[in-house]
Amino acid sequence: MKVLVATVKPFAAEAVEKIKGIIDAAGYEFALLEKYEDNSQLLEAVADADALIIRSDKITREVMDSAKNLKIVVRAGAGYDNVDLEAASEKGIVVMNTPGQNSNAVAELALGLMVYAARGFFNGKPGTELKGKTLGIHAYGNVGRLVGRIAKGFGMEVSAYDPFIAKETIEADGVKVYDSVEELYSNNMYISLHIPANDKTKKSINYDLLNKMPKGGTLINTARKEVIDEEGLLQLLRERNDFKYVSDIAPDNAELFLEKFNERCYFTPKKMGAQTAEANINAGLAAANQIVNFLEKGDTTFQVNK
């Protein structure tokens, strides 16, 4: 059995070494493809792979067609929209993610972006404090829960909206629950966004929804750029000089946003949510262990396709 780690953005060297240790100990062959510049390199590397560990790499139908022996793909991280799930299911390939392994890193970044926005991007002018301000968490999963916990340490008033999590579960954390997304946005100065990108959520964060936010509204996006209706957001920024948008995923029209609204918009140079040494190692090791458990025991606990 051959396990391939294929990453344009490499794992930390320590993570690679530990992943290799897990694969070697299980008696499987370990292979590594890093910083590849052309998709043809990936197609060649997966040709005889039985298992694949990736990060943000796109695993398309073409890639799977080239990987005749492929049985499992593990995305080291939470989001998995970079994998063609339909093609994988058709070919009997199991796709997994590693939920929770990057959560603290993303949550800390979300609060860091909040502080940065509240202080006017450190422009030397007086800013505001987070203490006493309202924070709405849109999707109360692993990351959202941690964002709420850290925000409480800042003295923020925290609320959430998540139709997939029981109200009692959220309230047990001392977080107020809203019954609609419109209520969440209407009642919070800060919104931390953690929804996945799918057919229902793409472009769902639109002008009408964002315009419900009170004066000084700030949207923090550490989720996916696809959930933002960029035209609607641009319109809002034109009409409301009090509104700010900060994200670790630059929009498609990033240059236009920064040209027109550089005092109210900020985007990290790359998607930085999971870019900590700890998250890097945690996600990589989880991926390796999940592959071993699947190949040896048929464990599909974290499978995301059916």
Protein backbone atom coordinates (compact mmCIF):
# COMPACT_ATOMS: atom_id res chain seq x y z
CA MET A 1 0.00 0.00 0.00
CA LYS A 2 1.32 3.42 -0.97
CA VAL A 3 0.36 6.60 0.90
CA LEU A 4 1.05 9.85 -0.93
CA VAL A 5 1.22 13.25 0.74
CA ALA A 6 0.58 15.81 -2.03
CA THR A 7 0.68 19.46 -0.98
CA VAL A 8 1.30 22.63 -2.96
CA LYS A 9 1.52 24.35 0.44
CA PRO A 10 3.75 21.90 2.34
CA PHE A 11 3.25 20.68 5.86
CA ALA A 12 5.90 21.76 8.35
CA ALA A 13 8.98 19.55 8.20
CA GLU A 14 8.19 18.21 11.67
CA ALA A 15 4.70 17.25 10.54
CA VAL A 16 6.01 15.43 7.45
CA GLU A 17 8.48 13.50 9.59
CA LYS A 18 5.76 12.43 12.02
CA ILE A 19 3.33 11.52 9.23
CA LYS A 20 6.04 9.38 7.66
CA GLY A 21 6.63 7.73 11.04
CA ILE A 22 2.98 6.71 11.30
CA ILE A 23 2.90 5.36 7.74
CA ASP A 24 6.21 3.50 8.14
CA ALA A 25 5.11 1.96 11.44
CA ALA A 26 1.99 0.60 9.76
CA GLY A 27 4.15 -1.05 7.10
CA TYR A 28 3.02 1.10 4.19
CA GLU A 29 5.10 2.93 1.57
CA PHE A 30 5.37 6.69 2.07
CA ALA A 31 5.63 9.14 -0.84
CA LEU A 32 5.85 12.93 -0.84
CA LEU A 33 5.03 15.57 -3.45
CA GLU A 34 5.49 19.17 -2.32
CA LYS A 35 5.31 22.59 -3.97
CA TYR A 36 4.34 21.12 -7.34
CA GLU A 37 3.83 23.76 -10.01
CA ASP A 38 1.84 21.84 -12.59
CA ASN A 39 -1.14 19.52 -12.25
CA SER A 40 0.64 16.96 -14.43
CA GLN A 41 3.04 16.34 -11.54
CA LEU A 42 0.12 15.43 -9.31
CA LEU A 43 -1.40 13.18 -11.97
CA GLU A 44 1.88 11.30 -12.26
CA ALA A 45 2.37 11.02 -8.50
CA VAL A 46 -1.09 9.59 -7.77
CA ALA A 47 -0.90 6.95 -10.51
CA ASP A 48 0.00 4.13 -8.08
CA ALA A 49 -1.17 5.64 -4.79
CA ASP A 50 -3.64 3.76 -2.57
CA ALA A 51 -4.18 6.65 -0.17
CA LEU A 52 -3.78 10.40 -0.44
CA ILE A 53 -3.27 13.17 2.11
CA ILE A 54 -3.86 16.73 0.87
CA ARG A 55 -4.39 20.25 2.17
CA SER A 56 -6.00 22.82 -0.18
CA ASP A 57 -5.03 20.82 -3.27
CA LYS A 58 -7.80 20.26 -5.81
CA ILE A 59 -8.67 16.59 -6.28
CA THR A 60 -10.77 16.54 -9.42
CA ARG A 61 -12.28 13.75 -11.46
CA GLU A 62 -9.20 13.93 -13.68
CA VAL A 63 -6.94 13.27 -10.70
CA MET A 64 -9.06 10.32 -9.63
CA ASP A 65 -9.08 8.92 -13.15
CA SER A 66 -5.29 8.88 -12.98
CA ALA A 67 -5.27 7.16 -9.59
CA LYS A 68 -6.46 3.65 -10.43
CA ASN A 69 -5.59 2.23 -7.00
CA LEU A 70 -6.91 5.11 -4.90
CA LYS A 71 -9.09 4.05 -2.00
CA ILE A 72 -9.10 7.06 0.32
CA VAL A 73 -8.42 10.80 0.26
CA VAL A 74 -8.01 12.69 3.53
CA ARG A 75 -8.16 16.46 3.51
CA ALA A 76 -6.00 17.65 6.43
CA GLY A 77 -8.38 20.34 7.64
CA ALA A 78 -12.09 20.96 8.01
CA GLY A 79 -13.22 22.22 4.58
CA TYR A 80 -13.35 19.71 1.73
CA ASP A 81 -14.89 21.62 -1.17
CA ASN A 82 -11.60 21.17 -3.05
CA VAL A 83 -12.44 17.48 -3.55
CA ASP A 84 -14.96 16.28 -6.15
CA LEU A 85 -17.17 14.22 -3.83
CA GLU A 86 -19.49 13.06 -6.59
CA ALA A 87 -16.63 11.61 -8.61
CA ALA A 88 -15.14 10.00 -5.50
CA SER A 89 -18.43 8.33 -4.61
CA GLU A 90 -18.86 7.04 -8.15
CA LYS A 91 -15.41 5.47 -7.97
CA GLY A 92 -15.85 4.05 -4.47
CA ILE A 93 -13.20 6.35 -3.01
CA VAL A 94 -13.69 7.37 0.61
CA VAL A 95 -13.13 11.07 1.34
CA MET A 96 -12.48 12.30 4.87
CA ASN A 97 -11.60 15.54 6.60
CA THR A 98 -9.96 16.10 9.99
CA PRO A 99 -12.51 18.19 11.91
CA GLY A 100 -11.33 20.12 14.93
CA GLN A 101 -7.60 19.86 14.30
CA ASN A 102 -7.28 23.43 12.97
CA SER A 103 -10.08 24.94 15.03
CA ASN A 104 -8.09 26.80 17.66
CA ALA A 105 -5.77 28.31 15.06
CA VAL A 106 -8.72 29.63 13.03
CA ALA A 107 -10.52 30.91 16.12
CA GLU A 108 -7.48 32.84 17.33
CA LEU A 109 -7.05 34.38 13.89
CA ALA A 110 -10.72 35.46 13.84
CA LEU A 111 -10.23 37.33 17.12
CA GLY A 112 -6.93 38.77 15.86
CA LEU A 113 -8.71 40.14 12.80
CA MET A 114 -11.40 41.59 15.05
CA VAL A 115 -8.83 43.43 17.12
CA TYR A 116 -7.06 44.64 13.98
CA ALA A 117 -10.31 46.03 12.56
CA ALA A 118 -11.40 47.59 15.87
CA ARG A 119 -8.08 49.44 16.09
CA GLY A 120 -8.39 50.85 12.57
CA PHE A 121 -5.79 48.47 11.13
CA PHE A 122 -3.22 50.07 13.44
CA ASN A 123 -3.30 53.33 11.51
CA GLY A 124 -2.27 55.42 14.54
CA LYS A 125 -5.74 56.88 15.08
CA PRO A 126 -8.01 56.08 18.04
CA GLY A 127 -9.88 52.84 17.64
CA THR A 128 -12.44 51.01 19.75
CA GLU A 129 -12.33 48.14 22.23
CA LEU A 130 -14.02 44.75 21.89
CA LYS A 131 -15.14 44.73 25.51
CA GLY A 132 -18.90 45.16 25.75
CA LYS A 133 -19.42 44.85 21.99
CA THR A 134 -21.84 42.32 20.47
CA LEU A 135 -20.49 39.35 18.51
CA GLY A 136 -22.65 37.05 16.42
CA ILE A 137 -21.27 33.67 15.44
CA HIS A 138 -22.69 32.38 12.16
CA ALA A 139 -22.34 28.57 12.49
CA TYR A 140 -21.47 27.22 15.91
CA GLY A 141 -19.23 24.28 15.03
CA ASN A 142 -15.74 23.53 16.32
CA VAL A 143 -14.35 26.91 15.29
CA GLY A 144 -17.42 28.95 16.19
CA ARG A 145 -17.53 27.48 19.68
CA LEU A 146 -13.89 28.43 20.29
CA VAL A 147 -14.43 31.92 18.89
CA GLY A 148 -17.22 32.38 21.41
CA ARG A 149 -15.08 31.14 24.27
CA ILE A 150 -12.19 33.48 23.43
CA ALA A 151 -14.51 36.43 22.79
CA LYS A 152 -16.00 36.02 26.26
CA GLY A 153 -12.48 36.51 27.60
CA PHE A 154 -12.49 39.89 25.86
CA GLY A 155 -15.76 40.73 27.60
CA MET A 156 -17.88 40.57 24.46
CA GLU A 157 -21.59 39.74 24.42
CA VAL A 158 -21.80 36.54 22.34
CA SER A 159 -24.72 35.13 20.38
CA ALA A 160 -25.02 32.54 17.61
CA TYR A 161 -27.16 31.11 14.85
CA ASP A 162 -26.85 27.49 13.77
CA PRO A 163 -29.95 25.52 12.73
CA PHE A 164 -27.98 22.26 12.83
CA ILE A 165 -27.03 22.44 16.52
CA ALA A 166 -29.53 22.12 19.34
CA LYS A 167 -30.40 25.41 21.01
CA GLU A 168 -29.76 23.88 24.43
CA THR A 169 -26.21 22.90 23.41
CA ILE A 170 -25.33 26.47 22.46
CA GLU A 171 -27.05 28.01 25.46
CA ALA A 172 -25.11 25.68 27.75
CA ASP A 173 -22.00 27.66 26.75
CA GLY A 174 -23.60 30.89 27.91
CA VAL A 175 -24.28 31.99 24.33
CA LYS A 176 -27.56 33.56 23.25
CA VAL A 177 -29.29 31.80 20.35
CA TYR A 178 -31.15 33.55 17.53
CA ASP A 179 -33.78 31.70 15.54
CA SER A 180 -32.96 33.32 12.21
CA VAL A 181 -29.88 34.54 10.42
CA GLU A 182 -31.55 37.93 9.93
CA GLU A 183 -31.90 38.36 13.70
CA LEU A 184 -28.25 37.45 14.20
CA TYR A 185 -27.02 40.10 11.79
CA SER A 186 -29.47 42.75 12.99
CA ASN A 187 -28.36 42.46 16.60
CA ASN A 188 -24.56 42.23 16.34
CA MET A 189 -21.85 44.77 15.61
CA TYR A 190 -19.39 41.97 14.77
CA ILE A 191 -20.20 38.81 12.83
CA SER A 192 -17.74 35.91 12.69
CA LEU A 193 -18.51 33.72 9.70
CA HIS A 194 -17.93 29.96 9.78
CA ILE A 195 -20.34 28.43 7.27
CA PRO A 196 -19.17 25.96 4.59
CA ALA A 197 -19.39 26.68 0.87
CA ASN A 198 -22.15 24.64 -0.76
CA ASP A 199 -25.09 25.14 -3.12
CA LYS A 200 -27.21 26.67 -0.35
CA THR A 201 -24.60 28.99 1.14
CA LYS A 202 -22.74 30.35 -1.89
CA LYS A 203 -23.35 34.11 -2.17
CA SER A 204 -25.79 33.88 0.76
CA ILE A 205 -23.96 36.64 2.64
CA ASN A 206 -25.44 39.40 0.54
CA TYR A 207 -26.29 43.09 0.58
CA ASP A 208 -29.68 42.73 2.26
CA LEU A 209 -28.31 40.58 5.07
CA LEU A 210 -25.19 42.65 5.75
CA ASN A 211 -27.13 45.93 5.62
CA LYS A 212 -29.08 44.74 8.67
CA MET A 213 -25.95 45.08 10.80
CA PRO A 214 -25.85 48.12 13.12
CA LYS A 215 -23.57 51.13 12.69
CA GLY A 216 -19.91 50.14 12.86
CA GLY A 217 -20.73 46.67 11.58
CA THR A 218 -17.74 44.44 10.89
CA LEU A 219 -17.79 41.09 9.08
CA ILE A 220 -14.97 38.65 9.82
CA ASN A 221 -14.68 35.81 7.33
CA THR A 222 -12.41 32.85 8.06
CA ALA A 223 -14.68 30.46 6.15
CA ARG A 224 -14.82 30.58 2.34
CA LYS A 225 -14.85 33.44 -0.17
CA GLU A 226 -17.61 31.75 -2.17
CA VAL A 227 -20.22 32.42 0.52
CA ILE A 228 -19.85 36.17 -0.01
CA ASP A 229 -21.88 37.99 -2.66
CA GLU A 230 -19.02 40.27 -3.71
CA GLU A 231 -21.15 42.69 -5.74
CA GLY A 232 -23.52 43.11 -2.82
CA LEU A 233 -20.64 43.66 -0.40
CA LEU A 234 -19.08 46.27 -2.69
CA GLN A 235 -22.41 48.08 -2.91
CA LEU A 236 -22.70 48.09 0.88
CA LEU A 237 -19.17 49.45 1.31
CA ARG A 238 -19.99 52.24 -1.14
CA GLU A 239 -23.15 53.17 0.74
CA ARG A 240 -21.96 52.71 4.32
CA ASN A 241 -18.65 54.28 5.31
CA ASP A 242 -18.99 52.71 8.77
CA PHE A 243 -18.81 49.10 7.55
CA LYS A 244 -15.66 46.95 7.59
CA TYR A 245 -14.77 43.60 6.04
CA VAL A 246 -11.76 41.54 7.13
CA SER A 247 -10.93 38.07 5.91
CA ASP A 248 -8.21 35.49 5.52
CA ILE A 249 -9.58 34.64 2.07
CA ALA A 250 -9.16 37.44 -0.44
CA PRO A 251 -12.20 37.96 -2.71
CA ASP A 252 -11.94 37.52 -6.45
CA ASN A 253 -12.02 41.32 -6.82
CA ALA A 254 -9.48 41.93 -4.04
CA GLU A 255 -7.69 44.71 -5.95
CA LEU A 256 -10.95 46.61 -6.41
CA PHE A 257 -11.85 46.24 -2.72
CA LEU A 258 -8.47 47.52 -1.61
CA GLU A 259 -8.33 50.31 -4.20
CA LYS A 260 -11.66 51.74 -3.11
CA PHE A 261 -11.91 50.71 0.54
CA ASN A 262 -8.42 50.03 1.85
CA GLU A 263 -9.24 51.83 5.12
CA ARG A 264 -12.14 49.46 5.78
CA CYS A 265 -10.99 46.16 4.23
CA TYR A 266 -8.13 43.83 4.99
CA PHE A 267 -7.21 40.41 3.59
CA THR A 268 -4.35 38.23 4.75
CA PRO A 269 -1.78 37.50 1.99
CA LYS A 270 -2.82 33.82 1.95
CA LYS A 271 -5.47 31.77 3.70
CA MET A 272 -3.88 31.82 7.13
CA GLY A 273 -6.50 30.22 9.39
CA ALA A 274 -4.71 26.90 9.78
CA GLN A 275 -1.21 28.30 9.40
CA THR A 276 0.22 27.57 12.83
CA ALA A 277 2.85 24.99 13.73
CA GLU A 278 0.41 23.28 16.06
CA ALA A 279 -2.48 23.06 13.59
CA ASN A 280 -0.12 21.95 10.83
CA ILE A 281 1.08 19.02 12.88
CA ASN A 282 -2.31 18.13 14.40
CA ALA A 283 -4.11 17.95 11.06
CA GLY A 284 -1.32 15.99 9.35
CA LEU A 285 -1.08 13.39 12.09
CA ALA A 286 -4.85 13.02 12.25
CA ALA A 287 -4.93 12.42 8.48
CA ALA A 288 -2.22 9.76 8.70
CA ASN A 289 -3.92 7.97 11.58
CA GLN A 290 -7.28 8.04 9.81
CA ILE A 291 -5.74 6.43 6.74
CA VAL A 292 -4.14 3.67 8.80
CA ASN A 293 -7.39 3.04 10.69
CA PHE A 294 -9.31 2.89 7.42
CA LEU A 295 -6.90 0.55 5.65
CA GLU A 296 -6.54 -1.75 8.66
CA LYS A 297 -9.98 -1.61 10.27
CA GLY A 298 -12.31 -0.11 7.68
CA ASP A 299 -12.91 2.87 10.01
CA THR A 300 -14.92 5.54 8.16
CA THR A 301 -15.71 7.79 11.13
CA PHE A 302 -14.84 11.03 9.39
CA GLN A 303 -16.12 10.17 5.91
CA VAL A 304 -17.78 13.15 4.17
CA ASN A 305 -19.03 11.45 1.00
CA LYS A 306 -21.47 8.59 0.68
